Amino acid sequence: SQKNGFPDEGEILIPFYNSTESVWSVERILYGAKDVNANTLTVATGGRGYEGTTAAAHTVVTGTYTSTGTAVSITTNAAHLLSTGQRIYLDFTSGTGFDGTYIVTVTGATTFTVVFPFSRTTSGTVSLLPEVRLRSL
């Protein structure tokens, strides 16, 4: 049954970089129930993956940023593996950046730029996180 407009069954799509094949891919996790009070999803046995994918730890890429006006320059501590036009969720862990999903313009293997929604002069640290999507089945 549906409660409060949220699905009781669905899938979670988590993008990640597949270093074995050198491509971006997505982890698909099917869930059968959720508990909004405990903030948990119940995943059925065999509910993970697509075409035999297996669980893997995905390292969060971190780095530093500086912004002047709406232009933001980011330098990561390791290769970010992004492509121009790709969307990524940025968690600004220090400074006064705006957490959210951004479209990147790649300028180097460890550098890229994004545009803030409002003018802000700041700097600090940032984490690149996957954009997780929930979808009702």
Protein backbone atom coordinates (compact mmCIF):
# COMPACT_ATOMS: atom_id res chain seq x y z
CA SER A 1 0.00 0.00 0.00
CA GLN A 2 1.12 3.58 -0.55
CA LYS A 3 1.47 5.85 2.46
CA ASN A 4 2.12 9.60 2.44
CA GLY A 5 2.78 9.53 -1.30
CA PHE A 6 5.93 7.39 -1.03
CA PRO A 7 6.34 3.95 -2.62
CA ASP A 8 6.38 0.85 -0.44
CA GLU A 9 8.36 -0.98 -3.10
CA GLY A 10 10.95 0.37 -5.47
CA GLU A 11 14.58 0.58 -6.41
CA ILE A 12 17.53 2.73 -5.45
CA LEU A 13 19.92 3.73 -8.23
CA ILE A 14 23.44 4.66 -7.12
CA PRO A 15 25.93 5.78 -9.80
CA PHE A 16 29.59 4.76 -9.45
CA TYR A 17 32.74 4.57 -11.56
CA ASN A 18 33.50 1.00 -12.69
CA SER A 19 37.31 0.99 -12.68
CA THR A 20 37.45 -2.51 -14.20
CA GLU A 21 35.73 -1.35 -17.40
CA SER A 22 36.65 2.38 -17.10
CA VAL A 23 33.04 3.55 -17.38
CA TRP A 24 30.36 5.08 -15.19
CA SER A 25 27.71 2.56 -14.17
CA VAL A 26 24.86 2.29 -11.69
CA GLU A 27 24.24 0.02 -8.72
CA ARG A 28 20.61 -1.10 -8.60
CA ILE A 29 19.13 -2.17 -5.28
CA LEU A 30 15.52 -3.36 -5.07
CA TYR A 31 13.71 -2.81 -1.80
CA GLY A 32 10.46 -4.30 -0.58
CA ALA A 33 9.63 -2.15 2.44
CA LYS A 34 10.69 1.04 4.14
CA ASP A 35 10.47 2.39 7.66
CA VAL A 36 10.50 6.20 7.60
CA ASN A 37 10.70 6.38 11.41
CA ALA A 38 13.86 4.23 11.54
CA ASN A 39 15.15 5.59 8.20
CA THR A 40 15.69 2.06 6.81
CA LEU A 41 14.89 0.09 3.67
CA THR A 42 14.37 -3.69 3.69
CA VAL A 43 16.19 -5.33 0.79
CA ALA A 44 14.96 -8.76 -0.29
CA THR A 45 17.44 -11.61 -0.71
CA GLY A 46 18.67 -11.47 -4.28
CA GLY A 47 17.37 -7.92 -4.64
CA ARG A 48 20.78 -6.42 -5.42
CA GLY A 49 22.35 -5.68 -8.69
CA TYR A 50 21.93 -6.21 -12.37
CA GLU A 51 23.60 -8.96 -14.41
CA GLY A 52 25.44 -10.40 -11.44
CA THR A 53 26.86 -7.25 -9.90
CA THR A 54 28.23 -7.61 -6.39
CA ALA A 55 28.58 -5.25 -3.50
CA ALA A 56 31.66 -3.02 -3.45
CA ALA A 57 32.96 -0.16 -1.36
CA HIS A 58 33.10 3.07 -3.32
CA THR A 59 35.63 5.64 -2.11
CA VAL A 60 34.29 9.16 -1.68
CA VAL A 61 36.44 11.66 -3.59
CA THR A 62 37.22 14.81 -1.60
CA GLY A 63 38.99 18.04 -2.39
CA THR A 64 39.08 21.80 -1.98
CA TYR A 65 37.13 24.60 -3.64
CA THR A 66 37.22 28.36 -4.12
CA SER A 67 34.44 30.56 -5.43
CA THR A 68 34.13 34.14 -6.57
CA GLY A 69 30.70 35.27 -7.69
CA THR A 70 28.92 32.18 -8.99
CA ALA A 71 32.03 30.50 -10.47
CA VAL A 72 33.40 27.61 -8.39
CA SER A 73 36.74 25.88 -9.01
CA ILE A 74 37.26 22.46 -7.43
CA THR A 75 40.50 20.49 -7.07
CA THR A 76 40.17 16.87 -5.94
CA ASN A 77 42.70 14.83 -3.98
CA ALA A 78 42.52 12.02 -6.58
CA ALA A 79 41.32 11.69 -10.17
CA HIS A 80 37.61 12.57 -10.19
CA LEU A 81 36.81 10.54 -13.38
CA LEU A 82 33.98 12.94 -14.31
CA SER A 83 32.99 14.10 -17.79
CA THR A 84 31.82 17.56 -18.82
CA GLY A 85 28.02 17.72 -18.53
CA GLN A 86 27.84 15.02 -15.86
CA ARG A 87 25.81 15.67 -12.71
CA ILE A 88 27.36 15.14 -9.27
CA TYR A 89 26.18 15.92 -5.75
CA LEU A 90 28.62 18.22 -3.92
CA ASP A 91 28.69 18.30 -0.11
CA PHE A 92 30.57 21.44 0.96
CA THR A 93 32.03 20.27 4.28
CA SER A 94 33.62 23.60 5.22
CA GLY A 95 33.18 27.18 4.08
CA THR A 96 29.77 28.44 3.00
CA GLY A 97 29.15 26.59 -0.28
CA PHE A 98 25.69 25.45 -1.36
CA ASP A 99 25.23 21.64 -1.06
CA GLY A 100 23.43 20.21 -4.06
CA THR A 101 23.56 18.62 -7.49
CA TYR A 102 25.71 20.40 -10.06
CA ILE A 103 26.63 19.99 -13.72
CA VAL A 104 30.42 19.89 -14.07
CA THR A 105 32.81 21.34 -16.63
CA VAL A 106 36.01 19.29 -16.53
CA THR A 107 39.25 21.30 -16.74
CA GLY A 108 41.70 18.52 -15.78
CA ALA A 109 42.05 15.05 -14.27
CA THR A 110 41.70 16.49 -10.75
CA THR A 111 39.98 19.80 -11.52
CA PHE A 112 36.55 20.96 -12.66
CA THR A 113 34.20 23.91 -12.31
CA VAL A 114 30.54 24.34 -11.39
CA VAL A 115 28.23 27.33 -11.05
CA PHE A 116 26.63 28.33 -7.72
CA PRO A 117 22.96 29.39 -7.84
CA PHE A 118 23.86 32.67 -6.08
CA SER A 119 26.98 34.77 -5.78
CA ARG A 120 29.27 33.63 -2.97
CA THR A 121 32.93 34.30 -2.21
CA THR A 122 34.16 31.40 -0.10
CA SER A 123 36.56 28.46 0.02
CA GLY A 124 36.90 25.20 1.90
CA THR A 125 36.60 21.45 1.51
CA VAL A 126 34.13 19.43 -0.54
CA SER A 127 33.04 15.78 -0.98
CA LEU A 128 31.76 14.40 -4.29
CA LEU A 129 28.79 12.13 -3.61
CA PRO A 130 26.60 10.07 -5.94
CA GLU A 131 23.15 11.36 -6.79
CA VAL A 132 20.93 8.64 -5.34
CA ARG A 133 17.50 8.18 -6.89
CA LEU A 134 14.49 6.31 -5.51
CA ARG A 135 12.03 4.97 -8.03
CA SER A 136 8.67 3.35 -7.44
CA LEU A 137 8.07 0.01 -9.12
